[in-house]
C-alpha atoms as a PDB file:
ATOM      1  CA  MET A   1      -7.411   9.827 -28.185  1.00  0.00           C
ATOM      2  CA  THR A   2      -6.022  11.933 -25.447  1.00  0.00           C
ATOM      3  CA  ARG A   3      -3.480  10.843 -23.028  1.00  0.00           C
ATOM      4  CA  PRO A   4      -4.290  10.579 -19.351  1.00  0.00           C
ATOM      5  CA  GLU A   5      -2.430  13.046 -17.094  1.00  0.00           C
ATOM      6  CA  PRO A   6       0.271  11.158 -15.189  1.00  0.00           C
ATOM      7  CA  VAL A   7      -0.217  10.563 -11.568  1.00  0.00           C
ATOM      8  CA  PHE A   8       2.932  11.812 -10.422  1.00  0.00           C
ATOM      9  CA  GLU A   9       4.853  14.689 -12.100  1.00  0.00           C
ATOM     10  CA  GLU A  10       8.282  13.129 -11.607  1.00  0.00           C
ATOM     11  CA  PRO A  11       9.412   9.319 -11.627  1.00  0.00           C
ATOM     12  CA  TRP A  12      11.101   9.841  -8.109  1.00  0.00           C
ATOM     13  CA  HIS A  13       7.808  10.942  -6.929  1.00  0.00           C
ATOM     14  CA  ALA A  14       6.332   7.623  -7.652  1.00  0.00           C
ATOM     15  CA  GLN A  15       9.407   5.824  -6.397  1.00  0.00           C
ATOM     16  CA  VAL A  16       9.460   7.318  -2.926  1.00  0.00           C
ATOM     17  CA  PHE A  17       5.697   6.677  -2.638  1.00  0.00           C
ATOM     18  CA  ALA A  18       6.132   3.009  -3.664  1.00  0.00           C
ATOM     19  CA  ILE A  19       8.797   2.571  -1.184  1.00  0.00           C
ATOM     20  CA  THR A  20       6.873   4.030   1.588  1.00  0.00           C
ATOM     21  CA  VAL A  21       3.896   2.039   0.782  1.00  0.00           C
ATOM     22  CA  HIS A  22       5.931  -1.219   0.673  1.00  0.00           C
ATOM     23  CA  LEU A  23       7.542  -0.228   3.966  1.00  0.00           C
ATOM     24  CA  ASN A  24       4.243   0.174   5.448  1.00  0.00           C
ATOM     25  CA  GLU A  25       3.028  -3.234   4.080  1.00  0.00           C
ATOM     26  CA  THR A  26       6.020  -4.977   5.511  1.00  0.00           C
ATOM     27  CA  GLY A  27       5.052  -3.712   8.852  1.00  0.00           C
ATOM     28  CA  LEU A  28       7.820  -1.224   9.542  1.00  0.00           C
ATOM     29  CA  PHE A  29       5.280   1.322  10.487  1.00  0.00           C
ATOM     30  CA  THR A  30       1.584   2.003  10.392  1.00  0.00           C
ATOM     31  CA  TRP A  31      -0.282   4.290   8.010  1.00  0.00           C
ATOM     32  CA  GLN A  32      -1.315   6.435  11.064  1.00  0.00           C
ATOM     33  CA  GLN A  33       2.287   6.694  12.212  1.00  0.00           C
ATOM     34  CA  TRP A  34       3.416   7.746   8.852  1.00  0.00           C
ATOM     35  CA  ALA A  35       0.602  10.053   8.443  1.00  0.00           C
ATOM     36  CA  GLU A  36       1.586  11.921  11.710  1.00  0.00           C
ATOM     37  CA  ARG A  37       5.015  12.311  10.905  1.00  0.00           C
ATOM     38  CA  PHE A  38       4.440  13.428   7.451  1.00  0.00           C
ATOM     39  CA  GLY A  39       1.901  15.873   8.581  1.00  0.00           C
ATOM     40  CA  ALA A  40       4.583  17.065  11.354  1.00  0.00           C
ATOM     41  CA  THR A  41       7.172  17.552   8.250  1.00  0.00           C
ATOM     42  CA  LEU A  42       4.457  19.638   6.307  1.00  0.00           C
ATOM     43  CA  LYS A  43       3.692  21.829   9.483  1.00  0.00           C
ATOM     44  CA  ARG A  44       7.461  22.378  10.120  1.00  0.00           C
ATOM     45  CA  HIS A  45       8.170  23.622   6.730  1.00  0.00           C
ATOM     46  CA  GLY A  46       4.944  25.979   6.744  1.00  0.00           C
ATOM     47  CA  HIS A  47       2.882  24.011   4.267  1.00  0.00           C
ATOM     48  CA  HIS A  48      -0.315  24.930   5.739  1.00  0.00           C
ATOM     49  CA  THR A  49      -2.285  25.006   2.213  1.00  0.00           C
ATOM     50  CA  ARG A  50      -3.206  21.975   0.192  1.00  0.00           C
ATOM     51  CA  LEU A  51      -0.119  21.093  -1.851  1.00  0.00           C
ATOM     52  CA  ASN A  52      -0.564  19.572  -5.301  1.00  0.00           C
ATOM     53  CA  GLY A  53       1.844  16.832  -5.023  1.00  0.00           C
ATOM     54  CA  GLY A  54       4.611  18.430  -6.665  1.00  0.00           C
ATOM     55  CA  SER A  55       8.220  18.621  -5.805  1.00  0.00           C
ATOM     56  CA  ASP A  56       7.674  20.466  -2.594  1.00  0.00           C
ATOM     57  CA  TYR A  57       5.428  17.783  -1.438  1.00  0.00           C
ATOM     58  CA  PHE A  58       7.491  14.723  -2.394  1.00  0.00           C
ATOM     59  CA  ALA A  59      10.621  16.590  -0.765  1.00  0.00           C
ATOM     60  CA  ALA A  60       8.760  16.559   2.427  1.00  0.00           C
ATOM     61  CA  TRP A  61       7.687  13.009   1.873  1.00  0.00           C
ATOM     62  CA  LEU A  62      11.434  12.083   1.343  1.00  0.00           C
ATOM     63  CA  GLU A  63      12.445  13.946   4.539  1.00  0.00           C
ATOM     64  CA  THR A  64       9.889  12.104   6.385  1.00  0.00           C
ATOM     65  CA  LEU A  65      10.821   8.751   5.200  1.00  0.00           C
ATOM     66  CA  GLU A  66      14.510   9.447   5.809  1.00  0.00           C
ATOM     67  CA  THR A  67      13.876  10.577   9.234  1.00  0.00           C
ATOM     68  CA  LEU A  68      11.753   7.666  10.097  1.00  0.00           C
ATOM     69  CA  LEU A  69      14.263   5.295   8.697  1.00  0.00           C
ATOM     70  CA  GLY A  70      17.025   6.802  10.946  1.00  0.00           C
ATOM     71  CA  ASP A  71      14.747   6.923  13.902  1.00  0.00           C
ATOM     72  CA  THR A  72      13.906   3.064  13.774  1.00  0.00           C
ATOM     73  CA  SER A  73      17.416   2.285  12.942  1.00  0.00           C
ATOM     74  CA  VAL A  74      16.569   0.923   9.816  1.00  0.00           C
ATOM     75  CA  ALA A  75      19.228   3.088   8.058  1.00  0.00           C
ATOM     76  CA  ASP A  76      22.000   5.184   9.234  1.00  0.00           C
ATOM     77  CA  PRO A  77      21.159   8.858   9.019  1.00  0.00           C
ATOM     78  CA  ALA A  78      24.998   9.561   7.975  1.00  0.00           C
ATOM     79  CA  GLN A  79      24.796   6.993   5.180  1.00  0.00           C
ATOM     80  CA  LEU A  80      21.404   8.386   4.065  1.00  0.00           C
ATOM     81  CA  GLU A  81      23.098  11.930   3.885  1.00  0.00           C
ATOM     82  CA  THR A  82      25.986  10.694   2.061  1.00  0.00           C
ATOM     83  CA  LEU A  83      23.864   8.789  -0.451  1.00  0.00           C
ATOM     84  CA  ARG A  84      21.583  11.661  -1.009  1.00  0.00           C
ATOM     85  CA  HIS A  85      24.765  13.886  -1.858  1.00  0.00           C
ATOM     86  CA  ALA A  86      25.977  11.298  -4.375  1.00  0.00           C
ATOM     87  CA  TRP A  87      22.608  11.130  -6.072  1.00  0.00           C
ATOM     88  CA  GLU A  88      22.482  14.908  -6.249  1.00  0.00           C
ATOM     89  CA  ALA A  89      26.009  15.190  -7.806  1.00  0.00           C
ATOM     90  CA  ALA A  90      25.063  12.277 -10.116  1.00  0.00           C
ATOM     91  CA  TYR A  91      21.925  14.240 -11.234  1.00  0.00           C
ATOM     92  CA  LEU A  92      23.728  17.587 -11.590  1.00  0.00           C
ATOM     93  CA  ASN A  93      26.568  15.976 -13.636  1.00  0.00           C
ATOM     94  CA  THR A  94      24.504  13.917 -16.074  1.00  0.00           C
ATOM     95  CA  PRO A  95      23.847  15.312 -19.469  1.00  0.00           C
ATOM     96  CA  HIS A  96      20.193  16.209 -20.116  1.00  0.00           C
ATOM     97  CA  GLY A  97      18.094  13.154 -21.492  1.00  0.00           C
ATOM     98  CA  ALA A  98      20.747  10.646 -20.175  1.00  0.00           C
ATOM     99  CA  PRO A  99      19.841   8.223 -17.356  1.00  0.00           C
ATOM    100  CA  VAL A 100      21.258   9.183 -14.034  1.00  0.00           C
ATOM    101  CA  THR A 101      23.447   6.541 -12.339  1.00  0.00           C
ATOM    102  CA  LEU A 102      25.242   6.471  -9.055  1.00  0.00           C
ATOM    103  CA  ASP A 103      28.937   6.070  -9.299  1.00  0.00           C
ATOM    104  CA  ALA A 104      29.883   2.627  -7.660  1.00  0.00           C
ATOM    105  CA  ARG A 105      32.591   4.384  -5.506  1.00  0.00           C
ATOM    106  CA  ALA A 106      29.597   6.478  -3.915  1.00  0.00           C
ATOM    107  CA  ASP A 107      28.454   2.989  -1.994  1.00  0.00           C
END
């Protein structure tokens, strides 16, 4: 029996996708608004070809979500940036195979 290929290459791809879908379903934005913003992000980064849904695609997805949250005043852009750096530092300082956790002081 063969195992099915994962839908997402990385767990964070699935997580950012799920968060975006949830925010859409709560009425924060329409899917058309999302698609227009995401398309603009891809274009701005020169992603004119079909992407495979890998990290470059989801990095653009995350950038779009962060911008949308800032533009709609759901989240403070400076706080998002601080949080992003804290997660990056946690990731880079976590031994391979160990769960990545955010230091409580980063809040």
